[in-house]
Amino acid sequence: MVASGAVLMGCMALGLVGWFASDAGGHGTTRDAIRVGADGWLLAHGATLHLTTGAVSATVTALPLGLTVLCAYVAHRLGAWAARTSAVEDAGTVLLGTVVMSGLYGVVALVTALLAATATAESSLLRAFAGGFALAFVGGGSGILAGSAHVVDWRGRVPETGRAILKGALAATLAMVAAGAVLLAVALVLDLGSAANVLSRLHADTSGGLLYTVLVAAVAPNAALLSGSYLLGPGFAVGTGTVVSPSAVVLGPVPAFPLLAALPSEGSPSPLTSALVAVPVLVGALAAVLVVRRFPAYGFEVGAVRGLGSGVLGGVLLTVLVMLAGGAVGPGRMADVGADLVPTFVAATVAMGVGGLVGGVGATWWSRRR
């Protein structure tokens, strides 16, 4: 209950603060402000939000991944605390604790969706429960497993090659997210004036600027992941009929949001931009080198398998994260925001897999030479 309630209360408190800071409570009521915070918390768990205003309706499906990561982190830490302070006997106890924690979390999300529903804003009840259950199962379950490592030694039961591939895949995925974040930051710095113009047109005061900062932080992981899909080559869409990729940029009107100032200009990008597609290959090679250093391999076939497996599995994980980063963010053309998953999957597994294969063989050769 604490894992779900802690962040939920924080979101509702932020909604109240934003309501008072924006117009001193001149519009709406306290309950409306609390509902906004609750709806944001539900969106972070994958509960679609259906909005209706007169004849206009929209469905928001995009997850604010920054808030999602925060919820998962809180569940992980509380799960680890629960395991350390409880009598964990065996793997069955760990599984039972994970299921109970996930079920309670899902019930809290379901009740929140019921209480926050109005005629103009309603969250999906089934997705609220399923999303809360899944987040607690992954976040809280990993925490419980980590906190009970002294009882359940799962690492000793997994072959070394499996552990090497898993850690290499995680390293490759995180490195691609970091590369996307660097690309996003550089693009924003190069076009910082556009972001400032967006804020000025919104007439945001100090409190409004702080609220926009919180909102940007909530969706910054989404932008970093879509930047990663840009590095892969297929790119992503910011509205129906648009594409942002190293080979072509086709844009229409976009919302007034500061992060969108990082979008490149329409037309054919510079030929140097095409060189960015080498980044996933280099990332795969780097992850394979780290794997061979952590798990020394003196046979070329072992190094090749671990490097290739790390790259391919990293590509799969990255594709899943890119899928979570997209979704509908408004009515009309803004119902299509995100990357095309099939080309992204192919590009990620091939580029990172090839890089991992080369890096694994090269690192093994260096180990044998030394």
Protein backbone atom coordinates (compact mmCIF):
# COMPACT_ATOMS: atom_id res chain seq x y z
CA MET A 1 0.00 0.00 0.00
CA VAL A 2 2.85 2.38 0.83
CA ALA A 3 4.54 1.70 -2.53
CA SER A 4 1.47 2.87 -4.44
CA GLY A 5 0.25 5.55 -2.04
CA ALA A 6 3.54 7.43 -1.63
CA VAL A 7 3.90 8.56 -5.25
CA LEU A 8 0.12 8.91 -5.69
CA MET A 9 -0.10 11.35 -2.78
CA GLY A 10 2.85 13.27 -4.18
CA CYS A 11 1.15 13.58 -7.58
CA MET A 12 -2.09 14.80 -6.03
CA ALA A 13 -0.18 17.31 -3.88
CA LEU A 14 1.62 18.55 -6.99
CA GLY A 15 -1.76 18.96 -8.70
CA LEU A 16 -2.97 21.10 -5.81
CA VAL A 17 0.18 23.22 -5.81
CA GLY A 18 -0.06 23.74 -9.56
CA TRP A 19 -3.71 24.70 -9.30
CA PHE A 20 -3.06 27.35 -6.67
CA ALA A 21 0.11 28.59 -8.38
CA SER A 22 -1.53 28.99 -11.79
CA ASP A 23 -4.53 31.16 -10.93
CA ALA A 24 -4.86 31.07 -7.13
CA GLY A 25 -7.73 28.61 -7.44
CA GLY A 26 -9.82 30.87 -9.65
CA HIS A 27 -10.94 28.03 -11.92
CA GLY A 28 -12.10 24.60 -10.90
CA THR A 29 -12.14 23.08 -7.44
CA THR A 30 -9.77 21.30 -5.11
CA ARG A 31 -11.20 17.95 -6.18
CA ASP A 32 -10.47 18.79 -9.82
CA ALA A 33 -6.82 19.51 -8.99
CA ILE A 34 -6.52 16.25 -7.07
CA ARG A 35 -8.07 14.37 -9.99
CA VAL A 36 -5.48 15.81 -12.38
CA GLY A 37 -2.68 14.48 -10.17
CA ALA A 38 -4.37 11.09 -9.90
CA ASP A 39 -4.91 10.89 -13.66
CA GLY A 40 -1.22 11.63 -14.24
CA TRP A 41 -0.29 8.85 -11.81
CA LEU A 42 -2.63 6.45 -13.60
CA LEU A 43 -1.15 7.38 -16.99
CA ALA A 44 2.28 6.42 -15.65
CA HIS A 45 0.89 2.91 -15.09
CA GLY A 46 -0.50 2.55 -18.59
CA ALA A 47 -4.14 3.41 -17.85
CA THR A 48 -5.48 5.15 -20.95
CA LEU A 49 -7.23 8.46 -20.27
CA HIS A 50 -10.38 9.27 -22.24
CA LEU A 51 -11.10 13.02 -22.45
CA THR A 52 -14.32 14.60 -23.73
CA THR A 53 -15.05 18.30 -24.16
CA GLY A 54 -18.25 19.01 -26.02
CA ALA A 55 -18.02 17.36 -29.43
CA VAL A 56 -14.24 16.86 -29.19
CA SER A 57 -12.86 13.69 -27.65
CA ALA A 58 -9.37 12.27 -27.31
CA THR A 59 -7.64 9.28 -25.81
CA VAL A 60 -4.22 9.70 -24.21
CA THR A 61 -2.17 6.49 -24.14
CA ALA A 62 1.42 7.77 -23.85
CA LEU A 63 3.17 7.01 -20.57
CA PRO A 64 5.15 9.75 -18.79
CA LEU A 65 8.10 7.40 -18.35
CA GLY A 66 9.88 9.65 -15.89
CA LEU A 67 7.00 9.17 -13.46
CA THR A 68 6.81 5.47 -14.34
CA VAL A 69 10.47 5.01 -13.45
CA LEU A 70 9.93 6.85 -10.16
CA CYS A 71 7.01 4.56 -9.25
CA ALA A 72 9.05 1.46 -10.13
CA TYR A 73 12.01 2.71 -8.08
CA VAL A 74 9.85 3.33 -5.00
CA ALA A 75 8.29 -0.14 -5.35
CA HIS A 76 11.76 -1.68 -5.74
CA ARG A 77 13.16 -0.01 -2.62
CA LEU A 78 10.12 -0.89 -0.50
CA GLY A 79 10.20 -4.46 -1.81
CA ALA A 80 13.86 -4.77 -0.82
CA TRP A 81 13.06 -3.34 2.63
CA ALA A 82 10.19 -5.78 3.09
CA ALA A 83 12.41 -8.75 2.18
CA ARG A 84 15.19 -7.67 4.54
CA THR A 85 12.83 -7.18 7.48
CA SER A 86 10.74 -10.32 6.93
CA ALA A 87 11.35 -14.02 7.35
CA VAL A 88 12.04 -15.17 3.80
CA GLU A 89 12.23 -18.96 3.72
CA ASP A 90 12.51 -19.96 0.07
CA ALA A 91 11.69 -18.97 -3.51
CA GLY A 92 8.01 -19.71 -2.92
CA THR A 93 7.88 -17.07 -0.20
CA VAL A 94 9.47 -14.56 -2.55
CA LEU A 95 6.89 -15.30 -5.25
CA LEU A 96 4.00 -15.11 -2.78
CA GLY A 97 5.22 -11.76 -1.42
CA THR A 98 5.58 -10.41 -4.95
CA VAL A 99 2.07 -11.49 -5.95
CA VAL A 100 0.52 -10.02 -2.78
CA MET A 101 2.34 -6.72 -3.23
CA SER A 102 1.37 -6.56 -6.90
CA GLY A 103 -2.25 -7.39 -6.18
CA LEU A 104 -2.57 -4.66 -3.55
CA TYR A 105 -0.90 -2.17 -5.87
CA GLY A 106 -3.30 -3.07 -8.67
CA VAL A 107 -6.30 -2.68 -6.36
CA VAL A 108 -5.12 0.80 -5.33
CA ALA A 109 -4.80 1.76 -9.01
CA LEU A 110 -8.27 0.37 -9.74
CA VAL A 111 -9.88 2.26 -6.85
CA THR A 112 -8.06 5.44 -7.86
CA ALA A 113 -9.38 5.15 -11.40
CA LEU A 114 -12.91 4.67 -10.08
CA LEU A 115 -12.78 7.65 -7.74
CA ALA A 116 -11.08 9.96 -10.24
CA ALA A 117 -13.53 9.26 -13.08
CA THR A 118 -15.73 12.12 -14.27
CA ALA A 119 -17.98 12.74 -17.24
CA THR A 120 -15.13 14.50 -19.08
CA ALA A 121 -12.12 12.44 -17.95
CA GLU A 122 -12.15 8.69 -17.36
CA SER A 123 -9.32 6.16 -17.07
CA SER A 124 -9.54 2.55 -18.20
CA LEU A 125 -10.26 0.41 -15.13
CA LEU A 126 -8.82 -2.82 -16.53
CA ARG A 127 -5.62 -1.18 -17.73
CA ALA A 128 -5.27 0.63 -14.40
CA PHE A 129 -5.31 -2.64 -12.49
CA ALA A 130 -3.13 -4.49 -15.00
CA GLY A 131 -0.62 -1.64 -15.20
CA GLY A 132 -0.37 -1.30 -11.43
CA PHE A 133 0.02 -5.06 -11.03
CA ALA A 134 2.71 -5.28 -13.72
CA LEU A 135 4.71 -2.33 -12.40
CA ALA A 136 4.67 -3.68 -8.84
CA PHE A 137 5.49 -7.19 -10.05
CA VAL A 138 8.59 -5.98 -11.91
CA GLY A 139 9.69 -3.18 -9.58
CA GLY A 140 8.62 -4.64 -6.25
CA GLY A 141 9.44 -8.20 -7.26
CA SER A 142 13.00 -7.29 -8.22
CA GLY A 143 13.35 -5.49 -4.88
CA ILE A 144 12.08 -8.50 -2.92
CA LEU A 145 14.43 -10.77 -4.86
CA ALA A 146 17.39 -8.47 -4.21
CA GLY A 147 16.54 -8.17 -0.52
CA SER A 148 16.34 -11.94 -0.10
CA ALA A 149 19.60 -12.73 -1.93
CA HIS A 150 20.96 -14.30 1.27
CA VAL A 151 18.20 -16.93 1.05
CA VAL A 152 17.45 -17.27 -2.68
CA ASP A 153 20.74 -17.46 -4.63
CA TRP A 154 19.30 -17.20 -8.14
CA ARG A 155 22.63 -16.12 -9.66
CA GLY A 156 24.20 -19.47 -8.88
CA ARG A 157 21.46 -21.27 -10.84
CA VAL A 158 21.91 -19.25 -14.05
CA PRO A 159 24.78 -20.33 -16.35
CA GLU A 160 27.60 -17.85 -16.73
CA THR A 161 26.84 -17.32 -20.42
CA GLY A 162 23.24 -16.42 -19.58
CA ARG A 163 24.31 -13.93 -16.93
CA ALA A 164 26.88 -12.45 -19.31
CA ILE A 165 24.33 -11.98 -22.09
CA LEU A 166 21.76 -10.46 -19.71
CA LYS A 167 24.21 -7.96 -18.22
CA GLY A 168 25.57 -7.12 -21.65
CA ALA A 169 22.06 -6.52 -22.97
CA LEU A 170 21.27 -4.21 -20.04
CA ALA A 171 24.52 -2.33 -20.63
CA ALA A 172 23.77 -1.96 -24.36
CA THR A 173 20.23 -0.75 -23.68
CA LEU A 174 21.32 1.81 -21.11
CA ALA A 175 24.09 3.01 -23.41
CA MET A 176 21.61 3.56 -26.25
CA VAL A 177 19.29 5.49 -23.92
CA ALA A 178 22.27 7.59 -22.82
CA ALA A 179 23.24 8.21 -26.45
CA GLY A 180 19.69 9.32 -27.23
CA ALA A 181 19.73 11.64 -24.21
CA VAL A 182 23.03 13.19 -25.35
CA LEU A 183 21.63 13.73 -28.85
CA LEU A 184 18.51 15.35 -27.37
CA ALA A 185 20.57 17.63 -25.11
CA VAL A 186 22.84 18.73 -27.96
CA ALA A 187 19.86 19.45 -30.23
CA LEU A 188 18.21 21.51 -27.49
CA VAL A 189 21.38 23.49 -26.82
CA LEU A 190 21.83 24.23 -30.54
CA ASP A 191 18.24 25.51 -30.75
CA LEU A 192 17.79 26.88 -27.25
CA GLY A 193 16.23 30.07 -28.61
CA SER A 194 13.24 28.15 -29.98
CA ALA A 195 12.61 26.52 -26.61
CA ALA A 196 12.78 29.93 -24.92
CA ASN A 197 10.33 31.34 -27.48
CA VAL A 198 7.88 28.54 -26.73
CA LEU A 199 7.98 29.34 -23.03
CA SER A 200 7.57 33.06 -23.68
CA ARG A 201 4.52 32.47 -25.88
CA LEU A 202 2.95 30.44 -23.09
CA HIS A 203 3.32 33.49 -20.80
CA ALA A 204 4.55 31.25 -18.00
CA ASP A 205 5.53 32.97 -14.76
CA THR A 206 7.93 31.53 -12.19
CA SER A 207 5.46 28.98 -10.85
CA GLY A 208 4.36 28.08 -14.37
CA GLY A 209 7.98 27.62 -15.41
CA LEU A 210 8.58 25.28 -12.47
CA LEU A 211 5.51 23.24 -13.37
CA TYR A 212 6.69 23.00 -16.97
CA THR A 213 10.07 21.81 -15.68
CA VAL A 214 8.35 19.00 -13.76
CA LEU A 215 6.32 18.07 -16.84
CA VAL A 216 9.43 18.06 -19.04
CA ALA A 217 11.21 15.83 -16.52
CA ALA A 218 8.27 13.40 -16.59
CA VAL A 219 8.50 12.92 -20.37
CA ALA A 220 12.26 13.39 -20.83
CA PRO A 221 12.85 9.59 -20.93
CA ASN A 222 10.27 9.35 -23.73
CA ALA A 223 12.18 11.96 -25.73
CA ALA A 224 15.50 10.22 -25.07
CA LEU A 225 14.14 6.88 -26.26
CA LEU A 226 12.65 8.40 -29.43
CA SER A 227 16.03 10.05 -30.02
CA GLY A 228 17.49 6.56 -29.73
CA SER A 229 15.13 5.35 -32.46
CA TYR A 230 16.40 8.28 -34.54
CA LEU A 231 19.96 6.97 -34.10
CA LEU A 232 18.81 3.54 -35.26
CA GLY A 233 17.68 4.97 -38.60
CA PRO A 234 13.90 4.44 -38.87
CA GLY A 235 13.23 7.50 -36.70
CA PHE A 236 9.86 8.40 -35.24
CA ALA A 237 6.66 10.34 -35.90
CA VAL A 238 5.33 13.47 -34.18
CA GLY A 239 1.85 13.35 -35.64
CA THR A 240 0.14 11.47 -38.43
CA GLY A 241 2.02 11.63 -41.72
CA THR A 242 5.27 12.91 -40.18
CA VAL A 243 8.72 11.37 -39.93
CA VAL A 244 11.91 12.44 -38.16
CA SER A 245 14.90 10.35 -39.27
CA PRO A 246 18.53 10.83 -40.40
CA SER A 247 17.44 10.45 -44.02
CA ALA A 248 14.34 12.68 -44.11
CA VAL A 249 12.38 15.07 -41.93
CA VAL A 250 8.70 15.74 -42.65
CA LEU A 251 6.86 17.81 -40.04
CA GLY A 252 3.59 19.63 -39.72
CA PRO A 253 2.32 21.89 -36.94
CA VAL A 254 3.53 20.63 -33.54
CA PRO A 255 2.31 21.52 -30.04
CA ALA A 256 3.96 24.37 -28.15
CA PHE A 257 6.16 22.22 -25.94
CA PRO A 258 9.78 23.12 -25.08
CA LEU A 259 11.27 19.67 -25.82
CA LEU A 260 9.95 19.79 -29.39
CA ALA A 261 12.40 22.61 -30.09
CA ALA A 262 14.99 19.84 -30.49
CA LEU A 263 13.26 18.60 -33.67
CA PRO A 264 15.38 19.16 -36.80
CA SER A 265 14.26 21.40 -39.64
CA GLU A 266 12.17 19.95 -42.45
CA GLY A 267 13.88 18.64 -45.55
CA SER A 268 16.85 16.40 -46.25
CA PRO A 269 19.35 16.43 -43.37
CA SER A 270 23.07 16.87 -43.87
CA PRO A 271 24.95 13.80 -45.16
CA LEU A 272 26.95 13.87 -41.92
CA THR A 273 23.73 13.09 -40.06
CA SER A 274 23.65 9.66 -41.69
CA ALA A 275 26.83 8.79 -39.80
CA LEU A 276 24.77 8.74 -36.59
CA VAL A 277 23.43 5.30 -37.54
CA ALA A 278 26.88 3.94 -36.62
CA VAL A 279 26.21 4.73 -32.95
CA PRO A 280 24.13 1.55 -32.28
CA VAL A 281 26.91 -0.58 -33.78
CA LEU A 282 29.48 1.07 -31.54
CA VAL A 283 27.19 0.68 -28.54
CA GLY A 284 26.82 -3.05 -29.22
CA ALA A 285 30.59 -3.40 -29.54
CA LEU A 286 31.16 -1.51 -26.28
CA ALA A 287 28.68 -3.69 -24.40
CA ALA A 288 30.39 -6.83 -25.71
CA VAL A 289 33.80 -5.56 -24.60
CA LEU A 290 32.44 -4.89 -21.12
CA VAL A 291 30.93 -8.40 -21.01
CA VAL A 292 34.20 -10.08 -21.97
CA ARG A 293 36.05 -8.04 -19.37
CA ARG A 294 33.52 -8.94 -16.68
CA PHE A 295 33.21 -12.58 -17.79
CA PRO A 296 36.56 -13.48 -19.43
CA ALA A 297 36.23 -15.68 -22.51
CA TYR A 298 39.28 -17.30 -24.10
CA GLY A 299 37.44 -19.12 -26.85
CA PHE A 300 36.37 -17.15 -29.90
CA GLU A 301 33.07 -19.00 -30.14
CA VAL A 302 32.22 -18.12 -26.51
CA GLY A 303 33.09 -14.44 -27.01
CA ALA A 304 31.10 -14.35 -30.25
CA VAL A 305 28.01 -15.93 -28.66
CA ARG A 306 28.10 -13.61 -25.65
CA GLY A 307 28.69 -10.52 -27.77
CA LEU A 308 26.03 -11.39 -30.34
CA GLY A 309 23.53 -12.37 -27.65
CA SER A 310 24.13 -9.16 -25.71
CA GLY A 311 23.58 -7.03 -28.81
CA VAL A 312 20.47 -8.84 -30.02
CA LEU A 313 18.82 -8.99 -26.60
CA GLY A 314 19.74 -5.35 -26.04
CA GLY A 315 17.99 -4.51 -29.31
CA VAL A 316 14.87 -6.36 -28.15
CA LEU A 317 14.84 -4.52 -24.81
CA LEU A 318 15.38 -1.18 -26.55
CA THR A 319 12.47 -1.87 -28.91
CA VAL A 320 10.19 -2.58 -25.93
CA LEU A 321 11.21 0.70 -24.29
CA VAL A 322 10.68 2.62 -27.55
CA MET A 323 7.21 1.08 -27.77
CA LEU A 324 6.42 2.36 -24.27
CA ALA A 325 7.75 5.82 -25.19
CA GLY A 326 5.13 6.41 -27.89
CA GLY A 327 1.37 6.68 -27.95
CA ALA A 328 -1.47 9.11 -28.43
CA VAL A 329 -1.04 12.49 -26.75
CA GLY A 330 -4.08 14.32 -28.09
CA PRO A 331 -6.87 14.38 -30.69
CA GLY A 332 -6.50 14.31 -34.45
CA ARG A 333 -3.02 13.91 -35.88
CA MET A 334 -1.42 13.86 -32.40
CA ALA A 335 -2.89 10.40 -31.87
CA ASP A 336 0.19 9.07 -33.70
CA VAL A 337 3.41 9.82 -31.81
CA GLY A 338 6.24 7.31 -31.62
CA ALA A 339 8.32 4.93 -33.70
CA ASP A 340 7.33 2.21 -36.16
CA LEU A 341 8.15 -0.89 -34.13
CA VAL A 342 8.98 -3.40 -36.88
CA PRO A 343 11.70 -1.29 -38.58
CA THR A 344 12.97 -0.27 -35.14
CA PHE A 345 13.20 -3.89 -34.03
CA VAL A 346 15.04 -4.96 -37.18
CA ALA A 347 17.45 -2.02 -37.07
CA ALA A 348 18.15 -2.42 -33.34
CA THR A 349 18.78 -6.17 -33.36
CA VAL A 350 20.88 -6.10 -36.54
CA ALA A 351 23.01 -3.05 -35.71
CA MET A 352 23.56 -3.88 -32.05
CA GLY A 353 23.95 -7.59 -32.80
CA VAL A 354 26.63 -6.97 -35.43
CA GLY A 355 28.42 -4.57 -33.11
CA GLY A 356 28.24 -7.08 -30.28
CA LEU A 357 29.60 -9.87 -32.47
CA VAL A 358 32.57 -7.79 -33.62
CA GLY A 359 33.18 -6.46 -30.12
CA GLY A 360 32.98 -9.94 -28.55
CA VAL A 361 35.43 -11.47 -31.01
CA GLY A 362 37.77 -8.49 -30.77
CA ALA A 363 37.75 -8.45 -26.98
CA THR A 364 38.35 -12.22 -26.88
CA TRP A 365 41.31 -11.84 -29.24
CA TRP A 366 42.77 -9.14 -26.99
CA SER A 367 42.28 -11.33 -23.91
CA ARG A 368 44.05 -14.26 -25.59
CA ARG A 369 46.85 -11.98 -26.75
CA ARG A 370 47.43 -10.72 -23.21
